[in-house]
Amino acid sequence: MPPHDAAALDDCEPGSIRPVEIDGAPVLLFRDSDGVHAVAGTCPHAGAPLIEGVRHGNRIVCPWHKATFCLRTGALLEPPAVDPLSRFDVRIESGRVLLEPSEDIRRQPAADSRCFVIAGGGAAGAVAAQTLRQEGFGGRIVILDRENRVPYDRTTLSKYFLSGEQGAEKSPLQPQSFYRQHRIERNTAEITRLGAAERRFVCADGSVFSYDAALLATGGAPKRPPIPGAEKLLLLRNRADADAILARAERSERAVVLGASFIGMEVAASLRERGLDVTVVAREKAPFEKQLGTPIGGVFTRLHESRGVQFRLGEEIAAIPDAGVALKSGETLRADLVVAGFGVAPVTDYVTGIGRNEDGSITVDATLLAADNLFAAGDIARFPLRGDGQPIRVEHWRVAEQHGRVAALNMLGRRVRYEAVPVFWTIQYLKRLDYIGHAADWDDIVVHGDLEKPEFLAYYVKDGRVAAAVGLDRDQDTAALVELFETKRDWTPDALGPNPASVLNHT
């Protein structure tokens, strides 16, 4: 086929992106000192138009979920995408930019006698396995996971699956053929013991896996409250849990959601969109009060109330009788379906030979190393914030994927530090809130925009600097904040201002 005539070279200004179409598909042309580069213009994670994101140098950040790519090569730099952008070979003739699809030249892994074991097939484990092969590891890769499914995007369960809507996120993360092609062994297994000293996993069926290096990425288990009748509660962590909730929801009229966590509120929104009467019960004064504060949490109270959801805030649960939820205030809420969203506890009870924290988490250094040739990632890892800050544990999907990549590189001996800024998003009634950074507490919240509309950007300020930010319906500004925070500067609210996307253009 002849090359595609994409644009005039004079229309591609140095340092800028020019969107074009090739056979109806969006393509981005990026011109720098080395010439013109061309990559696909759609994010492979959920189909976002990348031209609506932000550029920083030769990086482009997706406006929706903040995946980051290289404009020169299409390489994936930051998740939640797991695939790079397709790229095109470019040549210039008679002042025109001509494009041809670039051939995918895959690196052949070198022979290697080592065995790497990955405990857990979620975000961290799946990305780690993929990274090992992409980086040329030719040895044996074994994934041990209790769930008999190809690794999938678990974030869609509470956001879309329960509502009956179809999310655009790529799921499963890779098809089953990917694991066969790359010789990644997937074993359905219940790990009963890890002996760190002897470098060996023992499973419930008696199978034993020895390793040269291993990654612990077994995630968390939903917390069940210690109250009478708690065994009746439905919890949400995996596809089987979601199937059970959906089966009950399809024959229910009234649902009660216990806990105003992100999972709890996403479940409430999904069940309401399905048509159930929904009541949320929580101790807090507002959803996400601990993470976002009462003013921002109150935005979601009003958003849900406008859709017909009722709240019992500042309430505690006494028991779960057969037909509802009994509150300590004396009120009993009738319910056909009760779902609990009280967070998760790290699944590490199988670990021996290394210390565990009181909450069950495992402390790691900036390279995610927990012990000799043993790494931990995702929900179970307590790691230093930005590489040298306070130890924190973060239950974010994107962080788990980042952990998986960094851990894999370090299993290969690269000595890479995890220094990324944590990023999280929630979607409720098609409204997406992005959270960038980490603020355990704050002195002030500086808001730009309208909390009633709602459309806003808010900065969480500690000791005069911005520790974290949230934005609702501020795609470009939140994408810009990811890049600005990555510079590790001590940003003040005034320096970032109401439009950080414009600030990024001048850094």
Protein backbone atom coordinates (compact mmCIF):
# COMPACT_ATOMS: atom_id res chain seq x y z
CA MET A 1 0.00 0.00 0.00
CA PRO A 2 1.20 3.54 -0.70
CA PRO A 3 2.07 5.67 2.33
CA HIS A 4 -0.59 7.94 3.82
CA ASP A 5 -0.21 11.62 3.03
CA ALA A 6 -0.92 12.99 6.51
CA ALA A 7 -0.13 16.70 6.44
CA ALA A 8 2.10 19.46 5.16
CA LEU A 9 5.37 19.70 7.07
CA ASP A 10 4.87 23.45 7.45
CA ASP A 11 1.62 22.77 9.34
CA CYS A 12 3.51 20.78 11.98
CA GLU A 13 4.96 23.43 14.24
CA PRO A 14 8.01 22.46 16.31
CA GLY A 15 7.04 21.43 19.85
CA SER A 16 3.37 21.00 19.02
CA ILE A 17 0.93 18.18 18.32
CA ARG A 18 -1.10 18.10 15.12
CA PRO A 19 -4.07 15.68 15.03
CA VAL A 20 -4.80 13.95 11.73
CA GLU A 21 -6.83 10.94 10.60
CA ILE A 22 -5.59 7.84 8.83
CA ASP A 23 -8.38 5.63 7.47
CA GLY A 24 -10.75 7.27 9.96
CA ALA A 25 -8.52 6.62 12.99
CA PRO A 26 -6.99 9.54 14.94
CA VAL A 27 -3.22 9.94 14.75
CA LEU A 28 -1.00 12.48 16.52
CA LEU A 29 1.90 14.11 14.70
CA PHE A 30 4.58 15.48 17.03
CA ARG A 31 7.48 17.52 15.74
CA ASP A 32 10.64 18.06 17.76
CA SER A 33 14.32 18.68 17.02
CA ASP A 34 14.71 15.13 15.70
CA GLY A 35 11.89 15.41 13.18
CA VAL A 36 8.24 14.38 13.01
CA HIS A 37 6.88 11.41 14.96
CA ALA A 38 3.47 9.77 14.60
CA VAL A 39 1.51 7.67 17.11
CA ALA A 40 -2.09 6.54 17.51
CA GLY A 41 -4.34 9.23 18.98
CA THR A 42 -6.59 7.03 21.11
CA CYS A 43 -5.69 5.74 24.56
CA PRO A 44 -5.72 1.90 24.48
CA HIS A 45 -7.05 1.75 28.06
CA ALA A 46 -10.56 3.16 27.52
CA GLY A 47 -10.54 4.95 24.19
CA ALA A 48 -9.98 8.53 25.35
CA PRO A 49 -8.96 11.07 22.68
CA LEU A 50 -5.38 11.88 23.60
CA ILE A 51 -5.50 15.25 21.87
CA GLU A 52 -7.69 16.36 24.79
CA GLY A 53 -4.96 15.44 27.27
CA VAL A 54 -1.84 17.46 28.05
CA ARG A 55 1.66 17.39 26.59
CA HIS A 56 4.76 17.82 28.69
CA GLY A 57 7.95 17.60 26.66
CA ASN A 58 7.60 14.43 24.62
CA ARG A 59 5.05 12.94 27.04
CA ILE A 60 1.28 12.99 26.65
CA VAL A 61 -1.11 12.33 29.53
CA CYS A 62 -4.54 10.81 28.85
CA PRO A 63 -7.33 13.19 29.96
CA TRP A 64 -9.48 10.44 31.47
CA HIS A 65 -7.44 8.04 33.58
CA LYS A 66 -4.00 9.66 33.28
CA ALA A 67 -2.12 6.94 31.41
CA THR A 68 1.06 8.49 29.99
CA PHE A 69 2.82 7.76 26.70
CA CYS A 70 5.91 8.85 24.78
CA LEU A 71 4.99 10.88 21.70
CA ARG A 72 8.19 9.86 19.95
CA THR A 73 7.93 6.09 20.30
CA GLY A 74 4.40 5.39 21.57
CA ALA A 75 5.90 3.65 24.62
CA LEU A 76 3.68 3.30 27.67
CA LEU A 77 5.22 5.33 30.50
CA GLU A 78 2.50 5.16 33.18
CA PRO A 79 -0.64 3.01 33.63
CA PRO A 80 -3.55 2.28 33.84
CA ALA A 81 -3.09 1.41 30.17
CA VAL A 82 -1.12 -1.81 29.69
CA ASP A 83 -0.35 -1.39 25.99
CA PRO A 84 1.76 1.15 24.09
CA LEU A 85 0.43 3.38 21.32
CA SER A 86 0.78 2.10 17.77
CA ARG A 87 3.40 4.10 15.91
CA PHE A 88 4.04 4.95 12.28
CA ASP A 89 7.18 5.24 10.23
CA VAL A 90 7.50 8.82 8.99
CA ARG A 91 9.23 10.20 5.94
CA ILE A 92 9.17 13.67 4.46
CA GLU A 93 8.85 14.13 0.70
CA SER A 94 8.26 17.39 -1.15
CA GLY A 95 7.20 19.09 2.07
CA ARG A 96 4.59 16.44 2.92
CA VAL A 97 4.48 14.12 5.94
CA LEU A 98 4.00 10.52 4.76
CA LEU A 99 3.11 7.70 7.18
CA GLU A 100 3.32 3.93 7.08
CA PRO A 101 2.45 1.53 9.93
CA SER A 102 5.59 0.55 11.82
CA GLU A 103 6.47 -3.12 12.13
CA ASP A 104 6.35 -4.55 15.64
CA ILE A 105 9.84 -5.90 16.25
CA ARG A 106 9.78 -8.02 19.39
CA ARG A 107 12.81 -8.73 21.50
CA GLN A 108 13.53 -12.44 21.81
CA PRO A 109 14.16 -13.30 25.48
CA ALA A 110 17.55 -14.78 26.20
CA ALA A 111 17.70 -18.26 27.70
CA ASP A 112 17.56 -18.12 31.49
CA SER A 113 17.41 -20.90 34.06
CA ARG A 114 15.81 -18.79 36.80
CA CYS A 115 12.20 -19.08 38.02
CA PHE A 116 10.26 -16.00 39.12
CA VAL A 117 7.02 -16.57 41.06
CA ILE A 118 4.27 -13.96 41.33
CA ALA A 119 1.72 -14.46 44.10
CA GLY A 120 -1.50 -12.80 42.92
CA GLY A 121 -3.00 -12.22 39.47
CA GLY A 122 -4.41 -8.73 39.98
CA ALA A 123 -3.11 -5.41 38.69
CA ALA A 124 0.38 -5.64 40.20
CA GLY A 125 0.93 -9.31 39.38
CA ALA A 126 -0.31 -9.10 35.80
CA VAL A 127 1.75 -6.01 34.97
CA ALA A 128 4.83 -7.53 36.62
CA ALA A 129 4.59 -10.67 34.48
CA GLN A 130 4.10 -8.64 31.31
CA THR A 131 7.02 -6.35 32.17
CA LEU A 132 9.39 -9.27 32.78
CA ARG A 133 8.83 -10.56 29.27
CA GLN A 134 8.93 -7.11 27.69
CA GLU A 135 12.29 -6.51 29.35
CA GLY A 136 13.76 -9.68 27.91
CA PHE A 137 13.53 -12.16 30.79
CA GLY A 138 13.63 -15.63 29.28
CA GLY A 139 13.24 -17.75 32.40
CA ARG A 140 10.16 -19.31 33.91
CA ILE A 141 7.33 -17.02 35.11
CA VAL A 142 4.67 -18.52 37.38
CA ILE A 143 1.54 -16.68 38.58
CA LEU A 144 -0.26 -18.20 41.57
CA ASP A 145 -3.77 -16.81 41.98
CA ARG A 146 -6.82 -18.05 43.85
CA GLU A 147 -9.16 -16.66 41.16
CA ASN A 148 -9.48 -18.84 38.06
CA ARG A 149 -9.70 -15.93 35.61
CA VAL A 150 -7.42 -14.16 33.18
CA PRO A 151 -6.31 -10.95 34.96
CA TYR A 152 -9.04 -8.32 34.45
CA ASP A 153 -9.82 -4.71 35.34
CA ARG A 154 -11.43 -5.03 38.76
CA THR A 155 -12.28 -1.31 38.91
CA THR A 156 -15.12 -1.84 36.45
CA LEU A 157 -17.05 -4.10 38.82
CA SER A 158 -18.34 -1.35 41.11
CA LYS A 159 -18.36 1.38 38.45
CA TYR A 160 -20.16 -0.38 35.59
CA PHE A 161 -20.82 -4.09 36.01
CA LEU A 162 -23.44 -3.77 38.75
CA SER A 163 -25.31 -1.00 36.94
CA GLY A 164 -25.58 -3.00 33.73
CA GLU A 165 -23.60 -0.36 31.82
CA GLN A 166 -20.66 -1.26 29.63
CA GLY A 167 -17.39 0.38 30.60
CA ALA A 168 -14.87 1.18 27.88
CA GLU A 169 -11.84 0.02 29.90
CA LYS A 170 -9.86 -2.85 28.40
CA SER A 171 -10.71 -5.99 30.32
CA PRO A 172 -9.23 -8.57 30.60
CA LEU A 173 -5.91 -6.77 30.77
CA GLN A 174 -4.53 -9.17 28.17
CA PRO A 175 -6.23 -12.09 26.39
CA GLN A 176 -5.49 -15.65 27.38
CA SER A 177 -3.45 -16.08 24.22
CA PHE A 178 -1.02 -13.41 25.48
CA TYR A 179 -0.02 -15.59 28.43
CA ARG A 180 0.39 -18.66 26.24
CA GLN A 181 2.43 -16.77 23.67
CA HIS A 182 4.74 -15.32 26.31
CA ARG A 183 5.04 -18.57 28.28
CA ILE A 184 3.56 -17.12 31.46
CA GLU A 185 2.19 -19.95 33.59
CA ARG A 186 -1.11 -19.19 35.33
CA ASN A 187 -1.99 -21.52 38.20
CA THR A 188 -5.20 -21.44 40.20
CA ALA A 189 -3.84 -21.99 43.69
CA GLU A 190 -4.50 -21.19 47.33
CA ILE A 191 -1.15 -20.31 48.87
CA THR A 192 -0.92 -21.66 52.40
CA ARG A 193 2.66 -20.74 53.20
CA LEU A 194 5.52 -18.68 51.90
CA GLY A 195 8.86 -19.54 53.47
CA ALA A 196 11.00 -16.50 52.77
CA ALA A 197 14.16 -18.14 54.13
CA GLU A 198 13.88 -21.21 51.90
CA ARG A 199 12.37 -19.26 48.96
CA ARG A 200 9.40 -21.55 48.56
CA PHE A 201 5.60 -21.31 48.20
CA VAL A 202 3.39 -24.15 49.42
CA CYS A 203 -0.19 -24.41 48.14
CA ALA A 204 -3.32 -26.04 49.56
CA ASP A 205 -3.22 -28.85 46.98
CA GLY A 206 0.30 -29.79 48.09
CA SER A 207 2.12 -28.23 45.15
CA VAL A 208 5.39 -26.45 45.91
CA PHE A 209 7.03 -23.64 43.91
CA SER A 210 10.60 -22.61 44.58
CA TYR A 211 11.82 -19.30 43.25
CA ASP A 212 14.91 -17.28 42.47
CA ALA A 213 12.93 -14.06 42.91
CA ALA A 214 9.30 -13.54 43.88
CA LEU A 215 6.66 -10.85 44.06
CA LEU A 216 3.91 -10.81 46.69
CA ALA A 217 0.84 -9.13 45.19
CA THR A 218 -2.07 -10.93 46.84
CA GLY A 219 -4.09 -7.75 47.41
CA GLY A 220 -6.72 -7.31 50.08
CA ALA A 221 -9.82 -9.02 51.42
CA PRO A 222 -12.97 -6.97 52.16
CA LYS A 223 -13.53 -6.28 55.85
CA ARG A 224 -16.61 -7.79 57.47
CA PRO A 225 -17.81 -5.85 60.55
CA PRO A 226 -17.99 -7.69 63.91
CA ILE A 227 -21.76 -7.35 64.39
CA PRO A 228 -24.61 -9.88 64.73
CA GLY A 229 -25.74 -11.11 61.32
CA ALA A 230 -22.62 -9.90 59.51
CA GLU A 231 -22.40 -13.23 57.69
CA LYS A 232 -25.44 -12.12 55.64
CA LEU A 233 -23.59 -9.15 54.17
CA LEU A 234 -22.45 -9.22 50.57
CA LEU A 235 -18.92 -7.97 49.90
CA LEU A 236 -17.32 -6.83 46.66
CA ARG A 237 -13.75 -7.65 45.66
CA ASN A 238 -13.80 -9.92 42.64
CA ARG A 239 -16.00 -11.03 39.76
CA ALA A 240 -17.61 -13.82 41.80
CA ASP A 241 -18.62 -11.27 44.46
CA ALA A 242 -20.04 -9.00 41.75
CA ASP A 243 -21.98 -11.92 40.25
CA ALA A 244 -23.51 -12.67 43.66
CA ILE A 245 -24.53 -9.03 44.22
CA LEU A 246 -25.98 -8.79 40.73
CA ALA A 247 -27.96 -12.00 41.14
CA ARG A 248 -29.50 -10.63 44.35
CA ALA A 249 -30.05 -7.17 42.87
CA GLU A 250 -32.04 -8.57 39.96
CA ARG A 251 -34.71 -9.79 42.40
CA SER A 252 -34.53 -6.91 44.88
CA GLU A 253 -36.24 -3.54 45.31
CA ARG A 254 -34.39 -2.04 48.29
CA ALA A 255 -30.67 -2.01 48.96
CA VAL A 256 -28.62 -0.72 51.87
CA VAL A 257 -24.93 0.06 51.43
CA LEU A 258 -22.89 0.06 54.63
CA GLY A 259 -19.93 2.42 54.53
CA ALA A 260 -19.33 5.56 52.45
CA SER A 261 -16.00 4.40 51.02
CA PHE A 262 -15.20 4.78 47.33
CA ILE A 263 -16.30 1.20 46.67
CA GLY A 264 -19.45 1.70 48.77
CA MET A 265 -20.45 4.87 46.95
CA GLU A 266 -19.75 3.40 43.52
CA VAL A 267 -21.89 0.39 44.43
CA ALA A 268 -24.65 2.75 45.63
CA ALA A 269 -24.56 4.64 42.32
CA SER A 270 -24.59 1.43 40.27
CA LEU A 271 -27.51 -0.09 42.18
CA ARG A 272 -29.45 3.16 41.92
CA GLU A 273 -28.84 3.27 38.17
CA ARG A 274 -30.17 -0.28 38.05
CA GLY A 275 -33.40 1.03 39.58
CA LEU A 276 -33.17 -0.07 43.23
CA ASP A 277 -34.09 2.15 46.16
CA VAL A 278 -30.74 2.74 47.88
CA THR A 279 -29.81 3.94 51.36
CA VAL A 280 -26.22 4.54 52.47
CA VAL A 281 -25.31 4.16 56.15
CA ALA A 282 -21.99 5.52 57.46
CA ARG A 283 -20.38 6.84 60.63
CA GLU A 284 -18.91 9.82 58.79
CA LYS A 285 -20.59 13.16 58.19
CA ALA A 286 -19.94 12.84 54.44
CA PRO A 287 -18.65 10.27 51.96
CA PHE A 288 -14.84 10.00 51.79
CA GLU A 289 -14.59 12.37 54.76
CA LYS A 290 -11.24 10.97 55.87
CA GLN A 291 -9.68 11.15 52.39
CA LEU A 292 -11.34 14.30 50.97
CA GLY A 293 -12.81 16.26 53.87
CA THR A 294 -16.43 17.18 54.56
CA PRO A 295 -16.84 19.97 51.92
CA ILE A 296 -15.71 17.75 49.02
CA GLY A 297 -17.43 14.67 50.43
CA GLY A 298 -20.63 16.68 50.66
CA VAL A 299 -20.54 17.11 46.87
CA PHE A 300 -21.15 13.39 46.55
CA THR A 301 -23.90 13.41 49.16
CA ARG A 302 -25.78 15.96 47.05
CA LEU A 303 -24.97 14.16 43.81
CA HIS A 304 -26.44 10.92 45.11
CA GLU A 305 -29.43 12.62 46.74
CA SER A 306 -30.26 14.27 43.42
CA ARG A 307 -30.56 10.73 42.00
CA GLY A 308 -32.82 9.54 44.83
CA VAL A 309 -30.30 7.89 47.18
CA GLN A 310 -31.01 8.34 50.90
CA PHE A 311 -28.37 8.69 53.60
CA ARG A 312 -28.04 7.85 57.26
CA LEU A 313 -24.81 9.64 58.11
CA GLY A 314 -23.30 9.74 61.58
CA GLU A 315 -24.98 6.40 62.27
CA GLU A 316 -23.63 3.06 63.49
CA ILE A 317 -24.90 -0.42 62.71
CA ALA A 318 -26.19 -2.59 65.53
CA ALA A 319 -27.04 -5.79 63.66
CA ILE A 320 -28.10 -7.30 60.36
CA PRO A 321 -31.48 -8.99 60.89
CA ASP A 322 -33.10 -11.09 58.20
CA ALA A 323 -34.97 -8.27 56.47
CA GLY A 324 -32.75 -5.23 56.76
CA VAL A 325 -30.28 -3.27 58.86
CA ALA A 326 -30.74 -2.31 62.52
CA LEU A 327 -29.07 0.97 63.55
CA LYS A 328 -27.89 1.86 67.03
CA SER A 329 -30.25 4.84 66.93
CA GLY A 330 -33.13 2.35 67.02
CA GLU A 331 -34.19 2.66 63.40
CA THR A 332 -34.43 -0.45 61.24
CA LEU A 333 -33.99 -0.08 57.49
CA ARG A 334 -35.80 -2.61 55.33
CA ALA A 335 -33.59 -4.16 52.66
CA ASP A 336 -33.58 -7.08 50.24
CA LEU A 337 -29.86 -6.57 49.61
CA VAL A 338 -27.13 -5.33 51.98
CA VAL A 339 -23.62 -4.62 50.70
CA ALA A 340 -20.71 -3.63 52.94
CA GLY A 341 -17.92 -1.29 51.83
CA PHE A 342 -15.55 -0.93 54.78
CA GLY A 343 -12.25 -1.22 52.93
CA VAL A 344 -9.88 -4.17 52.72
CA ALA A 345 -7.27 -5.90 54.86
CA PRO A 346 -3.98 -7.08 53.28
CA VAL A 347 -3.94 -10.80 52.48
CA THR A 348 -0.59 -11.85 53.95
CA ASP A 349 -1.49 -14.52 56.49
CA TYR A 350 0.50 -17.09 54.47
CA VAL A 351 3.78 -15.17 54.84
CA THR A 352 6.49 -16.50 57.18
CA GLY A 353 10.08 -15.47 57.64
CA ILE A 354 9.56 -11.70 57.37
CA GLY A 355 7.79 -9.22 59.61
CA ARG A 356 4.27 -7.96 59.05
CA ASN A 357 2.76 -4.73 60.31
CA GLU A 358 -0.22 -4.59 62.65
CA ASP A 359 -2.61 -4.18 59.73
CA GLY A 360 -1.05 -7.16 57.94
CA SER A 361 0.88 -5.08 55.42
CA ILE A 362 4.52 -5.68 54.53
CA THR A 363 7.06 -2.88 54.72
CA VAL A 364 9.23 -2.43 51.63
CA ASP A 365 11.96 0.01 50.62
CA ALA A 366 11.83 2.37 47.64
CA THR A 367 12.61 -0.55 45.30
CA LEU A 368 9.68 -2.53 46.82
CA LEU A 369 12.12 -5.02 48.34
CA ALA A 370 10.78 -6.80 51.45
CA ALA A 371 13.49 -9.44 51.94
CA ASP A 372 16.24 -11.16 49.97
CA ASN A 373 14.94 -11.50 46.37
CA LEU A 374 11.39 -11.00 47.66
CA PHE A 375 9.29 -7.98 46.66
CA ALA A 376 5.80 -6.80 47.64
CA ALA A 377 3.41 -4.60 45.66
CA GLY A 378 -0.11 -3.22 45.59
CA ASP A 379 -2.52 -3.25 48.52
CA ILE A 380 -0.23 -5.25 50.79
CA ALA A 381 2.86 -3.03 50.45
CA ARG A 382 3.74 -0.23 52.89
CA PHE A 383 6.20 1.86 50.91
CA PRO A 384 7.97 5.24 51.31
CA LEU A 385 5.94 8.03 49.67
CA ARG A 386 7.77 9.40 46.61
CA GLY A 387 10.74 7.17 47.42
CA ASP A 388 11.94 8.78 50.64
CA GLY A 389 8.83 10.05 52.45
CA GLN A 390 6.60 8.64 55.15
CA PRO A 391 5.67 4.96 54.80
CA ILE A 392 2.13 4.64 53.42
CA ARG A 393 -0.16 1.95 52.07
CA VAL A 394 -2.36 2.90 49.10
CA GLU A 395 -5.27 0.85 47.76
CA HIS A 396 -5.25 2.31 44.24
CA TRP A 397 -5.40 0.33 41.00
CA ARG A 398 -2.94 2.61 39.18
CA VAL A 399 -0.45 2.44 42.05
CA ALA A 400 -0.63 -1.36 42.02
CA GLU A 401 0.14 -1.39 38.29
CA GLN A 402 3.07 0.99 38.81
CA HIS A 403 4.31 -1.23 41.65
CA GLY A 404 4.12 -4.27 39.39
CA ARG A 405 6.34 -2.69 36.77
CA VAL A 406 8.91 -1.37 39.26
CA ALA A 407 9.03 -4.67 41.13
CA ALA A 408 9.59 -6.58 37.88
CA LEU A 409 12.48 -4.33 36.90
CA ASN A 410 14.05 -4.84 40.30
CA MET A 411 13.58 -8.61 40.13
CA LEU A 412 15.83 -8.27 37.07
CA GLY A 413 18.39 -6.38 39.13
CA ARG A 414 17.74 -2.88 37.74
CA ARG A 415 17.55 -1.03 41.11
CA VAL A 416 14.64 1.23 40.10
CA ARG A 417 12.98 3.34 42.80
CA TYR A 418 9.22 3.82 43.05
CA GLU A 419 8.86 7.60 43.25
CA ALA A 420 5.61 8.21 41.34
CA VAL A 421 2.81 10.44 42.56
CA PRO A 422 -0.26 8.38 43.60
CA VAL A 423 -3.28 8.91 41.30
CA PHE A 424 -6.82 7.67 41.86
CA TRP A 425 -10.20 8.18 40.19
CA THR A 426 -13.82 7.40 40.95
CA ILE A 427 -16.79 7.56 38.56
CA GLN A 428 -20.35 7.97 39.80
CA TYR A 429 -23.30 8.86 37.56
CA LEU A 430 -20.76 9.56 34.78
CA LYS A 431 -19.07 12.18 36.98
CA ARG A 432 -15.36 11.46 37.44
CA LEU A 433 -13.27 12.76 40.30
CA ASP A 434 -9.48 12.54 40.02
CA TYR A 435 -7.25 12.55 43.10
CA ILE A 436 -3.55 13.32 42.66
CA GLY A 437 -0.97 13.09 45.46
CA HIS A 438 -1.38 12.00 49.07
CA ALA A 439 -2.57 14.02 52.04
CA ALA A 440 -2.98 12.17 55.33
CA ASP A 441 -4.11 15.48 56.86
CA TRP A 442 -4.16 19.12 55.83
CA ASP A 443 -4.32 22.66 57.16
CA ASP A 444 -6.60 24.06 54.48
CA ILE A 445 -8.55 23.18 51.33
CA VAL A 446 -8.36 25.79 48.57
CA VAL A 447 -11.22 25.43 46.09
CA HIS A 448 -11.40 26.82 42.55
CA GLY A 449 -14.76 26.39 40.87
CA ASP A 450 -18.26 25.52 42.06
CA LEU A 451 -18.96 22.73 44.57
CA GLU A 452 -22.69 23.07 43.94
CA LYS A 453 -22.57 22.71 40.15
CA PRO A 454 -20.35 20.60 40.69
CA GLU A 455 -17.21 21.48 38.71
CA PHE A 456 -14.09 22.30 40.66
CA LEU A 457 -10.42 21.90 41.47
CA ALA A 458 -9.34 21.69 45.12
CA TYR A 459 -5.89 21.78 46.71
CA TYR A 460 -5.09 20.11 50.04
CA VAL A 461 -2.53 22.35 51.71
CA LYS A 462 -0.10 21.26 54.42
CA ASP A 463 2.53 23.66 55.79
CA GLY A 464 1.94 26.00 52.89
CA ARG A 465 2.44 23.48 50.09
CA VAL A 466 -0.01 21.45 48.05
CA ALA A 467 0.13 17.82 49.21
CA ALA A 468 -2.76 16.60 47.05
CA ALA A 469 -5.43 17.82 44.69
CA VAL A 470 -8.83 16.69 43.45
CA GLY A 471 -10.73 17.75 40.37
CA LEU A 472 -14.22 17.04 39.10
CA ASP A 473 -14.87 17.68 35.41
CA ARG A 474 -11.40 19.21 35.11
CA ASP A 475 -9.73 16.69 32.80
CA GLN A 476 -6.87 18.78 31.44
CA ASP A 477 -6.06 20.43 34.76
CA THR A 478 -5.89 17.12 36.63
CA ALA A 479 -3.76 15.61 33.83
CA ALA A 480 -1.44 18.61 34.14
CA LEU A 481 -1.25 18.18 37.91
CA VAL A 482 0.06 14.64 37.49
CA GLU A 483 3.00 16.01 35.53
CA LEU A 484 3.50 19.03 37.79
CA PHE A 485 3.57 16.88 40.92
CA GLU A 486 6.08 14.55 39.27
CA THR A 487 8.59 17.43 39.22
CA LYS A 488 8.76 17.11 43.04
CA ARG A 489 8.58 20.87 43.48
CA ASP A 490 6.98 22.32 46.61
CA TRP A 491 3.97 23.77 44.86
CA THR A 492 1.90 26.44 46.60
CA PRO A 493 -1.80 26.98 45.86
CA ASP A 494 -1.00 30.37 44.33
CA ALA A 495 1.68 28.93 42.04
CA LEU A 496 -0.71 26.30 40.67
CA GLY A 497 -3.70 28.64 40.57
CA PRO A 498 -7.10 27.86 39.07
CA ASN A 499 -5.66 26.54 35.78
CA PRO A 500 -2.62 24.27 36.28
CA ALA A 501 -2.73 23.21 32.61
CA SER A 502 -1.49 26.72 31.73
CA VAL A 503 1.21 26.41 34.41
CA LEU A 504 2.46 23.18 32.83
CA ASN A 505 2.87 24.92 29.49
CA HIS A 506 5.46 27.22 31.08
CA THR A 507 7.51 24.60 32.96
